[in-house]
Amino acid sequence: MNTLVSASLYNCRISKLPRNLRNDLSLCGHNFRRTSLKIINANANEVDAQIVEEPPQNEELQPQSKETSTTSTPLDKDLKKVVQKTAATFAPRASTATKNPAVPGTVLYTVFEVQGYVSMLLGGALSFNLIFPSNEPDIWRLMGMWSIWMFTIPSLRARDCSKNEKEALNYLFLIIPLLNVIIPFFWKSFAVVWSADTVTFFAMYAWKFAWLQKAE
């Protein structure tokens, strides 16, 4: 009701004005309506443009997530390269550049394999003071403690083994010396060090050959 009364009063006042002023006021009102409509349309277009431009921002986030998911593989590859290079530098290798004759199925392949696991067992017997027993630390128990690194790993690496086994032996060639140096600071026992080396040996094989996944 208030709007109707105000509109009627406004129209009455305008009708009393001269014709020229009435025409000017009507033009001003018409122009004001056109500009207000343009402003409303412009604001609506800006809102639509913002809505349309928002999805590309989400699309830009997707490649970043893919990059973060794929950063683990290059790190794994770099670690493998470092381990392989270090093991190839310091580990025993063939003196000639010819093809390795110790391929699966040959006598030489079997000799290296048996030599590796027999040296592990003899090293355990020496570490536990079962062979050449002594009440004091001696060279035999020290050799038993280092038998996996000195005899087992080089014998197994001398074969023409698979890629996974070669990687496992490369890791072991670098990890076992660290264990043999660190463990005696906390526990001075040849048997404990040999046991830790043996557990690490089979754990590395289980990881590289996925023994636990096959068992499940």
N, C-alpha and C. Protein backbone atom coordinates (compact mmCIF):
# COMPACT_ATOMS: atom_id res chain seq x y z
N MET A 1 0.84 -1.19 0.00
CA MET A 1 0.00 0.00 0.00
C MET A 1 0.88 1.25 0.00
N ASN A 2 1.94 1.27 0.81
CA ASN A 2 2.80 2.45 0.87
C ASN A 2 3.43 2.73 -0.48
N THR A 3 3.82 1.68 -1.18
CA THR A 3 4.43 1.88 -2.50
C THR A 3 3.42 2.42 -3.50
N LEU A 4 2.16 1.96 -3.42
CA LEU A 4 1.13 2.47 -4.34
C LEU A 4 0.85 3.94 -4.09
N VAL A 5 0.78 4.30 -2.77
CA VAL A 5 0.50 5.70 -2.44
C VAL A 5 1.64 6.58 -2.89
N SER A 6 2.90 6.13 -2.64
CA SER A 6 4.05 6.95 -3.03
C SER A 6 4.13 7.07 -4.53
N ALA A 7 3.79 5.99 -5.24
CA ALA A 7 3.84 6.05 -6.72
C ALA A 7 2.79 6.99 -7.26
N SER A 8 1.55 7.02 -6.64
CA SER A 8 0.50 7.91 -7.12
C SER A 8 0.85 9.37 -6.86
N LEU A 9 1.42 9.62 -5.67
CA LEU A 9 1.84 10.99 -5.36
C LEU A 9 2.92 11.45 -6.31
N TYR A 10 3.85 10.52 -6.62
CA TYR A 10 4.94 10.89 -7.53
C TYR A 10 4.38 11.21 -8.92
N ASN A 11 3.42 10.42 -9.36
CA ASN A 11 2.83 10.68 -10.69
C ASN A 11 2.05 11.99 -10.72
N CYS A 12 1.38 12.29 -9.58
CA CYS A 12 0.64 13.56 -9.54
C CYS A 12 1.58 14.74 -9.61
N ARG A 13 2.70 14.64 -8.88
CA ARG A 13 3.66 15.74 -8.90
C ARG A 13 4.26 15.92 -10.29
N ILE A 14 4.55 14.82 -10.96
CA ILE A 14 5.13 14.92 -12.30
C ILE A 14 4.14 15.51 -13.28
N SER A 15 2.83 15.17 -13.14
CA SER A 15 1.82 15.69 -14.07
C SER A 15 1.67 17.20 -13.95
N LYS A 16 1.98 17.75 -12.78
CA LYS A 16 1.88 19.19 -12.60
C LYS A 16 3.04 19.94 -13.22
N LEU A 17 4.15 19.22 -13.51
CA LEU A 17 5.32 19.88 -14.08
C LEU A 17 5.09 20.17 -15.55
N PRO A 18 5.88 21.05 -16.13
CA PRO A 18 5.77 21.32 -17.57
C PRO A 18 6.12 20.07 -18.38
N ARG A 19 5.70 20.09 -19.68
CA ARG A 19 5.88 18.92 -20.55
C ARG A 19 7.36 18.63 -20.77
N ASN A 20 8.18 19.66 -20.96
CA ASN A 20 9.60 19.42 -21.22
C ASN A 20 10.27 18.71 -20.05
N LEU A 21 9.96 19.16 -18.83
CA LEU A 21 10.56 18.52 -17.67
C LEU A 21 10.07 17.10 -17.51
N ARG A 22 8.74 16.89 -17.85
CA ARG A 22 8.23 15.53 -17.75
C ARG A 22 8.94 14.60 -18.71
N ASN A 23 9.21 15.07 -19.94
CA ASN A 23 9.93 14.24 -20.92
C ASN A 23 11.34 13.94 -20.46
N ASP A 24 12.01 14.96 -19.87
CA ASP A 24 13.37 14.74 -19.38
C ASP A 24 13.40 13.72 -18.25
N LEU A 25 12.44 13.81 -17.35
CA LEU A 25 12.39 12.86 -16.25
C LEU A 25 12.12 11.44 -16.72
N SER A 26 11.21 11.33 -17.71
CA SER A 26 10.91 10.00 -18.24
C SER A 26 12.14 9.40 -18.93
N LEU A 27 12.92 10.27 -19.68
CA LEU A 27 14.14 9.77 -20.33
C LEU A 27 15.17 9.34 -19.29
N CYS A 28 15.29 10.12 -18.23
CA CYS A 28 16.24 9.77 -17.18
C CYS A 28 15.87 8.44 -16.53
N GLY A 29 14.56 8.28 -16.27
CA GLY A 29 14.13 7.01 -15.69
C GLY A 29 14.38 5.84 -16.61
N HIS A 30 14.13 6.05 -17.92
CA HIS A 30 14.38 4.98 -18.88
C HIS A 30 15.86 4.63 -18.96
N ASN A 31 16.71 5.67 -19.00
CA ASN A 31 18.15 5.42 -19.05
C ASN A 31 18.64 4.73 -17.77
N PHE A 32 18.08 5.12 -16.64
CA PHE A 32 18.48 4.50 -15.38
C PHE A 32 18.14 3.02 -15.37
N ARG A 33 16.93 2.68 -15.92
CA ARG A 33 16.56 1.26 -15.98
C ARG A 33 17.50 0.49 -16.88
N ARG A 34 17.89 1.08 -18.05
CA ARG A 34 18.78 0.39 -18.97
C ARG A 34 20.16 0.16 -18.35
N THR A 35 20.70 1.19 -17.66
CA THR A 35 22.03 1.03 -17.05
C THR A 35 21.98 0.01 -15.91
N SER A 36 20.92 0.02 -15.13
CA SER A 36 20.82 -0.96 -14.04
C SER A 36 20.73 -2.37 -14.57
N LEU A 37 19.99 -2.54 -15.70
CA LEU A 37 19.90 -3.88 -16.31
C LEU A 37 21.26 -4.33 -16.83
N LYS A 38 22.01 -3.36 -17.45
CA LYS A 38 23.34 -3.71 -17.94
C LYS A 38 24.26 -4.14 -16.80
N ILE A 39 24.18 -3.40 -15.67
CA ILE A 39 25.02 -3.75 -14.52
C ILE A 39 24.67 -5.13 -13.99
N ILE A 40 23.36 -5.42 -13.93
CA ILE A 40 22.92 -6.74 -13.43
C ILE A 40 23.40 -7.84 -14.37
N ASN A 41 23.27 -7.59 -15.71
CA ASN A 41 23.71 -8.59 -16.67
C ASN A 41 25.22 -8.81 -16.60
N ALA A 42 25.98 -7.70 -16.42
CA ALA A 42 27.43 -7.82 -16.33
C ALA A 42 27.84 -8.63 -15.10
N ASN A 43 27.15 -8.37 -13.96
CA ASN A 43 27.46 -9.13 -12.76
C ASN A 43 27.13 -10.60 -12.94
N ALA A 44 26.01 -10.86 -13.62
CA ALA A 44 25.63 -12.25 -13.87
C ALA A 44 26.64 -12.94 -14.77
N ASN A 45 27.13 -12.22 -15.79
CA ASN A 45 28.14 -12.81 -16.69
C ASN A 45 29.44 -13.10 -15.94
N GLU A 46 29.83 -12.18 -15.03
CA GLU A 46 31.05 -12.41 -14.25
C GLU A 46 30.90 -13.64 -13.37
N VAL A 47 29.74 -13.83 -12.74
CA VAL A 47 29.51 -14.99 -11.90
C VAL A 47 29.58 -16.26 -12.73
N ASP A 48 28.97 -16.24 -13.94
CA ASP A 48 29.02 -17.41 -14.82
C ASP A 48 30.45 -17.71 -15.24
N ALA A 49 31.21 -16.64 -15.52
CA ALA A 49 32.60 -16.85 -15.94
C ALA A 49 33.43 -17.47 -14.81
N GLN A 50 33.20 -17.04 -13.57
CA GLN A 50 33.91 -17.62 -12.45
C GLN A 50 33.55 -19.09 -12.26
N ILE A 51 32.26 -19.41 -12.45
CA ILE A 51 31.84 -20.81 -12.31
C ILE A 51 32.48 -21.66 -13.39
N VAL A 52 32.57 -21.14 -14.60
CA VAL A 52 33.15 -21.90 -15.71
C VAL A 52 34.66 -22.05 -15.52
N GLU A 53 35.32 -21.05 -14.95
CA GLU A 53 36.78 -21.10 -14.82
C GLU A 53 37.24 -21.93 -13.62
N GLU A 54 36.34 -22.27 -12.68
CA GLU A 54 36.76 -23.02 -11.51
C GLU A 54 37.19 -24.45 -11.82
N PRO A 55 36.53 -25.22 -12.72
CA PRO A 55 36.97 -26.59 -12.96
C PRO A 55 38.40 -26.74 -13.40
N PRO A 56 38.97 -25.85 -14.28
CA PRO A 56 40.38 -26.03 -14.63
C PRO A 56 41.32 -26.00 -13.44
N GLN A 57 40.96 -25.24 -12.35
CA GLN A 57 41.81 -25.24 -11.18
C GLN A 57 41.87 -26.63 -10.56
N ASN A 58 40.72 -27.34 -10.55
CA ASN A 58 40.71 -28.70 -10.05
C ASN A 58 41.49 -29.63 -10.96
N GLU A 59 41.44 -29.34 -12.29
CA GLU A 59 42.19 -30.16 -13.22
C GLU A 59 43.69 -29.97 -13.04
N GLU A 60 44.11 -28.74 -12.61
CA GLU A 60 45.52 -28.51 -12.39
C GLU A 60 46.03 -29.27 -11.17
N LEU A 61 45.12 -29.55 -10.21
CA LEU A 61 45.54 -30.27 -9.03
C LEU A 61 45.77 -31.75 -9.31
N GLN A 62 45.08 -32.31 -10.33
CA GLN A 62 45.21 -33.72 -10.63
C GLN A 62 46.61 -34.09 -11.08
N PRO A 63 47.24 -33.33 -12.03
CA PRO A 63 48.61 -33.69 -12.39
C PRO A 63 49.59 -33.62 -11.24
N GLN A 64 49.37 -32.68 -10.28
CA GLN A 64 50.26 -32.59 -9.15
C GLN A 64 50.18 -33.84 -8.29
N SER A 65 48.91 -34.37 -8.10
CA SER A 65 48.78 -35.58 -7.33
C SER A 65 49.43 -36.76 -8.03
N LYS A 66 49.36 -36.79 -9.37
CA LYS A 66 50.02 -37.85 -10.10
C LYS A 66 51.53 -37.77 -9.95
N GLU A 67 52.05 -36.52 -9.94
CA GLU A 67 53.48 -36.37 -9.79
C GLU A 67 53.95 -36.85 -8.42
N THR A 68 53.17 -36.56 -7.38
CA THR A 68 53.56 -37.01 -6.05
C THR A 68 53.51 -38.52 -5.93
N SER A 69 52.54 -39.15 -6.65
CA SER A 69 52.44 -40.60 -6.59
C SER A 69 53.55 -41.29 -7.34
N THR A 70 54.10 -40.60 -8.34
CA THR A 70 55.14 -41.22 -9.15
C THR A 70 56.55 -40.86 -8.69
N THR A 71 56.66 -40.04 -7.61
CA THR A 71 58.00 -39.67 -7.16
C THR A 71 58.69 -40.84 -6.46
N SER A 72 57.93 -41.82 -5.98
CA SER A 72 58.55 -42.94 -5.30
C SER A 72 59.33 -43.82 -6.25
N THR A 73 58.84 -44.00 -7.48
CA THR A 73 59.53 -44.88 -8.41
C THR A 73 60.90 -44.35 -8.80
N PRO A 74 61.08 -43.06 -9.11
CA PRO A 74 62.44 -42.59 -9.40
C PRO A 74 63.40 -42.76 -8.22
N LEU A 75 62.92 -42.57 -6.99
CA LEU A 75 63.77 -42.76 -5.82
C LEU A 75 64.21 -44.22 -5.71
N ASP A 76 63.26 -45.12 -5.96
CA ASP A 76 63.60 -46.54 -5.90
C ASP A 76 64.62 -46.89 -6.98
N LYS A 77 64.45 -46.32 -8.17
CA LYS A 77 65.40 -46.59 -9.25
C LYS A 77 66.78 -46.03 -8.92
N ASP A 78 66.81 -44.82 -8.36
CA ASP A 78 68.11 -44.22 -8.00
C ASP A 78 68.81 -45.04 -6.93
N LEU A 79 68.03 -45.54 -5.95
CA LEU A 79 68.62 -46.35 -4.89
C LEU A 79 69.20 -47.65 -5.45
N LYS A 80 68.47 -48.26 -6.38
CA LYS A 80 68.97 -49.49 -7.00
C LYS A 80 70.26 -49.23 -7.78
N LYS A 81 70.31 -48.09 -8.48
CA LYS A 81 71.52 -47.77 -9.24
C LYS A 81 72.72 -47.58 -8.32
N VAL A 82 72.51 -46.88 -7.20
CA VAL A 82 73.62 -46.64 -6.26
C VAL A 82 74.10 -47.96 -5.67
N VAL A 83 73.15 -48.82 -5.25
CA VAL A 83 73.53 -50.10 -4.65
C VAL A 83 74.25 -50.97 -5.68
N GLN A 84 73.72 -51.01 -6.90
CA GLN A 84 74.34 -51.84 -7.94
C GLN A 84 75.74 -51.35 -8.28
N LYS A 85 75.90 -50.03 -8.38
CA LYS A 85 77.22 -49.47 -8.70
C LYS A 85 78.22 -49.74 -7.59
N THR A 86 77.79 -49.56 -6.32
CA THR A 86 78.70 -49.79 -5.20
C THR A 86 79.09 -51.26 -5.09
N ALA A 87 78.10 -52.14 -5.25
CA ALA A 87 78.40 -53.57 -5.17
C ALA A 87 79.29 -54.02 -6.31
N ALA A 88 79.04 -53.46 -7.51
CA ALA A 88 79.88 -53.84 -8.65
C ALA A 88 81.31 -53.32 -8.49
N THR A 89 81.47 -52.24 -7.73
CA THR A 89 82.81 -51.67 -7.54
C THR A 89 83.63 -52.47 -6.53
N PHE A 90 82.99 -52.85 -5.39
CA PHE A 90 83.75 -53.46 -4.30
C PHE A 90 83.57 -54.97 -4.20
N ALA A 91 82.46 -55.50 -4.71
CA ALA A 91 82.23 -56.95 -4.60
C ALA A 91 83.10 -57.70 -5.59
N PRO A 92 83.47 -58.94 -5.28
CA PRO A 92 84.26 -59.74 -6.23
C PRO A 92 83.49 -59.99 -7.51
N ARG A 93 84.16 -59.96 -8.63
CA ARG A 93 83.54 -60.17 -9.93
C ARG A 93 84.50 -60.95 -10.81
N ALA A 94 84.01 -61.34 -11.97
CA ALA A 94 84.83 -62.15 -12.87
C ALA A 94 86.00 -61.33 -13.40
N SER A 95 87.14 -62.01 -13.60
CA SER A 95 88.34 -61.32 -14.07
C SER A 95 88.32 -61.08 -15.57
N THR A 96 87.45 -61.78 -16.29
CA THR A 96 87.35 -61.62 -17.74
C THR A 96 86.00 -61.04 -18.10
N ALA A 97 85.91 -60.54 -19.33
CA ALA A 97 84.66 -59.93 -19.80
C ALA A 97 83.80 -60.92 -20.55
N THR A 98 84.13 -62.22 -20.49
CA THR A 98 83.34 -63.22 -21.19
C THR A 98 82.05 -63.50 -20.44
N LYS A 99 81.17 -64.25 -21.08
CA LYS A 99 79.89 -64.58 -20.47
C LYS A 99 80.10 -65.50 -19.29
N ASN A 100 79.28 -65.30 -18.25
CA ASN A 100 79.41 -66.10 -17.03
C ASN A 100 79.07 -67.57 -17.34
N PRO A 101 80.01 -68.49 -17.10
CA PRO A 101 79.71 -69.90 -17.40
C PRO A 101 78.83 -70.58 -16.36
N ALA A 102 78.67 -69.95 -15.18
CA ALA A 102 77.89 -70.57 -14.11
C ALA A 102 76.40 -70.28 -14.31
N VAL A 103 75.85 -70.82 -15.38
CA VAL A 103 74.42 -70.65 -15.68
C VAL A 103 73.63 -71.75 -14.99
N PRO A 104 72.34 -71.54 -14.77
CA PRO A 104 71.53 -72.58 -14.12
C PRO A 104 71.59 -73.89 -14.90
N GLY A 105 71.75 -74.98 -14.15
CA GLY A 105 71.82 -76.31 -14.75
C GLY A 105 73.22 -76.83 -14.94
N THR A 106 74.23 -75.99 -14.79
CA THR A 106 75.62 -76.43 -14.95
C THR A 106 76.20 -76.85 -13.60
N VAL A 107 77.30 -77.59 -13.68
CA VAL A 107 77.97 -78.05 -12.46
C VAL A 107 78.55 -76.87 -11.68
N LEU A 108 79.09 -75.88 -12.40
CA LEU A 108 79.69 -74.73 -11.74
C LEU A 108 78.64 -73.93 -10.97
N TYR A 109 77.45 -73.82 -11.52
CA TYR A 109 76.36 -73.13 -10.83
C TYR A 109 76.04 -73.83 -9.51
N THR A 110 75.97 -75.17 -9.54
CA THR A 110 75.67 -75.94 -8.34
C THR A 110 76.80 -75.84 -7.32
N VAL A 111 78.04 -75.84 -7.78
CA VAL A 111 79.19 -75.74 -6.88
C VAL A 111 79.15 -74.41 -6.12
N PHE A 112 78.91 -73.32 -6.82
CA PHE A 112 78.85 -72.01 -6.16
C PHE A 112 77.70 -71.95 -5.16
N GLU A 113 76.57 -72.53 -5.52
CA GLU A 113 75.40 -72.48 -4.63
C GLU A 113 75.66 -73.30 -3.37
N VAL A 114 76.18 -74.51 -3.53
CA VAL A 114 76.48 -75.34 -2.36
C VAL A 114 77.55 -74.69 -1.51
N GLN A 115 78.56 -74.13 -2.14
CA GLN A 115 79.63 -73.47 -1.40
C GLN A 115 79.09 -72.32 -0.56
N GLY A 116 78.15 -71.56 -1.12
CA GLY A 116 77.59 -70.42 -0.39
C GLY A 116 76.85 -70.83 0.87
N TYR A 117 75.97 -71.85 0.77
CA TYR A 117 75.16 -72.23 1.92
C TYR A 117 75.97 -73.07 2.92
N VAL A 118 76.94 -73.86 2.46
CA VAL A 118 77.79 -74.60 3.38
C VAL A 118 78.66 -73.66 4.21
N SER A 119 79.19 -72.60 3.56
CA SER A 119 79.98 -71.62 4.31
C SER A 119 79.13 -70.89 5.33
N MET A 120 77.86 -70.72 5.05
CA MET A 120 76.97 -70.10 6.04
C MET A 120 76.81 -70.99 7.26
N LEU A 121 76.61 -72.29 7.03
CA LEU A 121 76.46 -73.22 8.15
C LEU A 121 77.75 -73.34 8.95
N LEU A 122 78.88 -73.44 8.29
CA LEU A 122 80.15 -73.50 9.00
C LEU A 122 80.42 -72.23 9.79
N GLY A 123 80.05 -71.10 9.22
CA GLY A 123 80.20 -69.84 9.95
C GLY A 123 79.36 -69.81 11.21
N GLY A 124 78.15 -70.38 11.14
CA GLY A 124 77.31 -70.45 12.33
C GLY A 124 77.92 -71.35 13.40
N ALA A 125 78.48 -72.48 12.96
CA ALA A 125 79.12 -73.38 13.92
C ALA A 125 80.32 -72.73 14.59
N LEU A 126 81.10 -71.97 13.81
CA LEU A 126 82.25 -71.27 14.39
C LEU A 126 81.79 -70.14 15.32
N SER A 127 80.74 -69.43 14.95
CA SER A 127 80.26 -68.32 15.79
C SER A 127 79.72 -68.82 17.11
N PHE A 128 79.04 -69.97 17.10
CA PHE A 128 78.49 -70.53 18.34
C PHE A 128 79.51 -71.36 19.11
N ASN A 129 80.77 -71.30 18.66
CA ASN A 129 81.88 -71.95 19.38
C ASN A 129 81.72 -73.47 19.41
N LEU A 130 81.15 -74.03 18.34
CA LEU A 130 80.99 -75.48 18.24
C LEU A 130 82.21 -76.14 17.60
N ILE A 131 82.90 -75.43 16.71
CA ILE A 131 84.11 -75.93 16.07
C ILE A 131 85.28 -75.09 16.59
N PHE A 132 86.37 -75.76 16.91
CA PHE A 132 87.53 -75.10 17.51
C PHE A 132 87.11 -74.24 18.72
N PRO A 133 86.50 -74.90 19.71
CA PRO A 133 86.00 -74.12 20.86
C PRO A 133 87.12 -73.40 21.60
N SER A 134 86.77 -72.24 22.12
CA SER A 134 87.73 -71.43 22.85
C SER A 134 86.97 -70.57 23.85
N ASN A 135 87.63 -70.34 24.98
CA ASN A 135 87.02 -69.49 26.01
C ASN A 135 87.20 -68.01 25.73
N GLU A 136 88.02 -67.66 24.79
CA GLU A 136 88.28 -66.26 24.46
C GLU A 136 88.00 -66.03 22.97
N PRO A 137 87.75 -64.79 22.60
CA PRO A 137 87.56 -64.49 21.18
C PRO A 137 88.82 -64.81 20.39
N ASP A 138 88.64 -65.46 19.24
CA ASP A 138 89.77 -65.82 18.41
C ASP A 138 89.42 -65.60 16.94
N ILE A 139 90.37 -65.93 16.06
CA ILE A 139 90.20 -65.69 14.65
C ILE A 139 89.12 -66.59 14.04
N TRP A 140 88.93 -67.79 14.60
CA TRP A 140 87.93 -68.70 14.05
C TRP A 140 86.52 -68.18 14.28
N ARG A 141 86.26 -67.69 15.44
CA ARG A 141 84.92 -67.13 15.72
C ARG A 141 84.70 -65.84 14.96
N LEU A 142 85.76 -65.07 14.77
CA LEU A 142 85.63 -63.85 13.96
C LEU A 142 85.33 -64.18 12.50
N MET A 143 85.98 -65.22 11.96
CA MET A 143 85.68 -65.64 10.59
C MET A 143 84.25 -66.17 10.47
N GLY A 144 83.80 -66.87 11.51
CA GLY A 144 82.42 -67.36 11.50
C GLY A 144 81.42 -66.22 11.48
N MET A 145 81.73 -65.17 12.22
CA MET A 145 80.83 -64.01 12.24
C MET A 145 80.75 -63.34 10.87
N TRP A 146 81.88 -63.29 10.15
CA TRP A 146 81.93 -62.63 8.85
C TRP A 146 81.76 -63.61 7.69
N SER A 147 81.39 -64.85 7.95
CA SER A 147 81.36 -65.86 6.89
C SER A 147 80.32 -65.56 5.81
N ILE A 148 79.18 -65.01 6.20
CA ILE A 148 78.13 -64.72 5.20
C ILE A 148 78.60 -63.65 4.24
N TRP A 149 79.29 -62.65 4.77
CA TRP A 149 79.75 -61.56 3.89
C TRP A 149 80.99 -61.97 3.08
N MET A 150 81.88 -62.77 3.66
CA MET A 150 83.13 -63.12 2.98
C MET A 150 82.97 -64.27 1.99
N PHE A 151 82.06 -65.23 2.28
CA PHE A 151 82.00 -66.45 1.47
C PHE A 151 80.62 -66.66 0.82
N THR A 152 79.54 -66.49 1.60
CA THR A 152 78.21 -66.84 1.08
C THR A 152 77.78 -65.90 -0.04
N ILE A 153 77.82 -64.59 0.23
CA ILE A 153 77.36 -63.63 -0.78
C ILE A 153 78.24 -63.65 -2.02
N PRO A 154 79.59 -63.65 -1.93
CA PRO A 154 80.39 -63.73 -3.15
C PRO A 154 80.15 -65.01 -3.96
N SER A 155 79.94 -66.16 -3.27
CA SER A 155 79.69 -67.40 -3.99
C SER A 155 78.37 -67.34 -4.75
N LEU A 156 77.34 -66.80 -4.13
CA LEU A 156 76.04 -66.71 -4.80
C LEU A 156 76.04 -65.66 -5.90
N ARG A 157 76.81 -64.58 -5.72
CA ARG A 157 76.89 -63.56 -6.76
C ARG A 157 77.70 -64.03 -7.97
N ALA A 158 78.55 -65.03 -7.77
CA ALA A 158 79.35 -65.53 -8.89
C ALA A 158 78.52 -66.31 -9.90
N ARG A 159 77.32 -66.71 -9.52
CA ARG A 159 76.45 -67.44 -10.46
C ARG A 159 75.75 -66.47 -11.40
N ASP A 160 75.21 -67.01 -12.45
CA ASP A 160 74.37 -66.23 -13.37
C ASP A 160 72.94 -66.29 -12.84
N CYS A 161 72.67 -65.50 -11.79
CA CYS A 161 71.38 -65.56 -11.10
C CYS A 161 70.41 -64.57 -11.70
N SER A 162 69.18 -64.61 -11.21
CA SER A 162 68.12 -63.74 -11.72
C SER A 162 68.34 -62.29 -11.26
N LYS A 163 67.54 -61.40 -11.84
CA LYS A 163 67.68 -59.98 -11.51
C LYS A 163 67.32 -59.71 -10.06
N ASN A 164 66.23 -60.32 -9.57
CA ASN A 164 65.81 -60.09 -8.18
C ASN A 164 66.84 -60.62 -7.19
N GLU A 165 67.41 -61.79 -7.49
CA GLU A 165 68.42 -62.34 -6.59
C GLU A 165 69.69 -61.49 -6.60
N LYS A 166 70.05 -60.99 -7.77
CA LYS A 166 71.24 -60.12 -7.86
C LYS A 166 71.04 -58.85 -7.04
N GLU A 167 69.85 -58.26 -7.11
CA GLU A 167 69.57 -57.07 -6.31
C GLU A 167 69.61 -57.39 -4.82
N ALA A 168 69.05 -58.52 -4.43
CA ALA A 168 69.08 -58.91 -3.01
C ALA A 168 70.51 -59.08 -2.52
N LEU A 169 71.36 -59.71 -3.32
CA LEU A 169 72.75 -59.90 -2.92
C LEU A 169 73.53 -58.58 -2.88
N ASN A 170 73.18 -57.67 -3.78
CA ASN A 170 73.83 -56.34 -3.76
C ASN A 170 73.48 -55.59 -2.47
N TYR A 171 72.19 -55.62 -2.08
CA TYR A 171 71.79 -54.98 -0.83
C TYR A 171 72.48 -55.63 0.37
N LEU A 172 72.54 -56.96 0.38
CA LEU A 172 73.16 -57.66 1.49
C LEU A 172 74.65 -57.35 1.59
N PHE A 173 75.31 -57.19 0.45
CA PHE A 173 76.73 -56.89 0.47
C PHE A 173 77.02 -55.56 1.15
N LEU A 174 76.05 -54.64 1.15
CA LEU A 174 76.24 -53.34 1.80
C LEU A 174 75.68 -53.30 3.21
N ILE A 175 74.62 -54.07 3.49
CA ILE A 175 73.95 -53.99 4.80
C ILE A 175 74.69 -54.80 5.86
N ILE A 176 75.15 -56.00 5.51
CA ILE A 176 75.75 -56.89 6.51
C ILE A 176 77.00 -56.28 7.17
N PRO A 177 77.90 -55.62 6.44
CA PRO A 177 79.03 -54.99 7.15
C PRO A 177 78.58 -53.95 8.18
N LEU A 178 77.52 -53.22 7.87
CA LEU A 178 77.00 -52.26 8.85
C LEU A 178 76.51 -52.96 10.10
N LEU A 179 75.79 -54.08 9.94
CA LEU A 179 75.31 -54.83 11.10
C LEU A 179 76.47 -55.38 11.92
N ASN A 180 77.50 -55.91 11.24
CA ASN A 180 78.62 -56.51 11.94
C ASN A 180 79.45 -55.49 12.72
N VAL A 181 79.38 -54.23 12.30
CA VAL A 181 80.12 -53.18 13.01
C VAL A 181 79.27 -52.56 14.12
N ILE A 182 77.97 -52.41 13.89
CA ILE A 182 77.11 -51.71 14.86
C ILE A 182 76.70 -52.61 16.02
N ILE A 183 76.33 -53.86 15.73
CA ILE A 183 75.80 -54.74 16.79
C ILE A 183 76.79 -54.94 17.94
N PRO A 184 78.09 -55.16 17.71
CA PRO A 184 79.01 -55.35 18.85
C PRO A 184 79.08 -54.19 19.83
N PHE A 185 78.66 -52.99 19.41
CA PHE A 185 78.63 -51.87 20.36
C PHE A 185 77.55 -52.09 21.43
N PHE A 186 76.52 -52.86 21.11
CA PHE A 186 75.40 -53.08 22.03
C PHE A 186 75.42 -54.50 22.62
N TRP A 187 75.91 -55.46 21.84
CA TRP A 187 75.91 -56.85 22.31
C TRP A 187 77.15 -57.54 21.75
N LYS A 188 78.11 -57.80 22.60
CA LYS A 188 79.37 -58.41 22.17
C LYS A 188 79.21 -59.92 22.14
N SER A 189 78.71 -60.41 21.00
CA SER A 189 78.50 -61.84 20.85
C SER A 189 78.64 -62.20 19.37
N PHE A 190 79.54 -63.15 19.07
CA PHE A 190 79.69 -63.59 17.68
C PHE A 190 78.43 -64.29 17.18
N ALA A 191 77.80 -65.05 18.06
CA ALA A 191 76.60 -65.78 17.67
C ALA A 191 75.44 -64.85 17.34
N VAL A 192 75.31 -63.77 18.11
CA VAL A 192 74.22 -62.82 17.85
C VAL A 192 74.43 -62.12 16.51
N VAL A 193 75.66 -61.74 16.23
CA VAL A 193 75.94 -61.07 14.96
C VAL A 193 75.67 -62.01 13.78
N TRP A 194 76.12 -63.26 13.88
CA TRP A 194 75.85 -64.22 12.80
C TRP A 194 74.34 -64.45 12.64
N SER A 195 73.61 -64.54 13.74
CA SER A 195 72.16 -64.74 13.68
C SER A 195 71.47 -63.55 13.01
N ALA A 196 71.92 -62.34 13.34
CA ALA A 196 71.34 -61.15 12.71
C ALA A 196 71.62 -61.13 11.21
N ASP A 197 72.83 -61.54 10.83
CA ASP A 197 73.17 -61.60 9.40
C ASP A 197 72.29 -62.63 8.67
N THR A 198 72.07 -63.77 9.31
CA THR A 198 71.25 -64.82 8.69
C THR A 198 69.80 -64.38 8.53
N VAL A 199 69.26 -63.73 9.57
CA VAL A 199 67.88 -63.24 9.49
C VAL A 199 67.76 -62.18 8.39
N THR A 200 68.74 -61.29 8.32
CA THR A 200 68.73 -60.26 7.28
C THR A 200 68.84 -60.89 5.89
N PHE A 201 69.64 -61.93 5.76
CA PHE A 201 69.82 -62.61 4.48
C PHE A 201 68.49 -63.16 3.97
N PHE A 202 67.79 -63.92 4.78
CA PHE A 202 66.54 -64.54 4.34
C PHE A 202 65.40 -63.52 4.25
N ALA A 203 65.45 -62.46 5.08
CA ALA A 203 64.44 -61.40 4.97
C ALA A 203 64.58 -60.66 3.65
N MET A 204 65.82 -60.42 3.20
CA MET A 204 66.03 -59.76 1.92
C MET A 204 65.55 -60.63 0.77
N TYR A 205 65.81 -61.92 0.84
CA TYR A 205 65.31 -62.84 -0.19
C TYR A 205 63.77 -62.88 -0.20
N ALA A 206 63.19 -62.88 1.00
CA ALA A 206 61.72 -62.89 1.09
C ALA A 206 61.12 -61.63 0.49
N TRP A 207 61.80 -60.50 0.67
CA TRP A 207 61.30 -59.23 0.11
C TRP A 207 61.43 -59.22 -1.41
N LYS A 208 62.59 -59.61 -1.92
CA LYS A 208 62.83 -59.53 -3.36
C LYS A 208 62.05 -60.60 -4.14
N PHE A 209 61.85 -61.76 -3.54
CA PHE A 209 61.11 -62.83 -4.22
C PHE A 209 59.64 -62.88 -3.82
N ALA A 210 59.20 -61.97 -2.92
CA ALA A 210 57.80 -61.88 -2.50
C ALA A 210 57.30 -63.22 -1.97
N TRP A 211 58.06 -63.84 -1.08
CA TRP A 211 57.66 -65.12 -0.51
C TRP A 211 56.40 -64.98 0.34
N LEU A 212 56.28 -63.89 1.10
CA LEU A 212 55.11 -63.72 1.97
C LEU A 212 53.85 -63.53 1.15
N GLN A 213 53.92 -62.79 0.05
CA GLN A 213 52.75 -62.60 -0.81
C GLN A 213 52.31 -63.90 -1.45
N LYS A 214 53.29 -64.74 -1.84
CA LYS A 214 52.94 -66.03 -2.42
C LYS A 214 52.28 -66.93 -1.38
N ALA A 215 52.75 -66.84 -0.14
CA ALA A 215 52.16 -67.67 0.91
C ALA A 215 50.72 -67.28 1.19
N GLU A 216 50.41 -65.96 1.12
CA GLU A 216 49.04 -65.51 1.34
C GLU A 216 48.14 -65.93 0.19
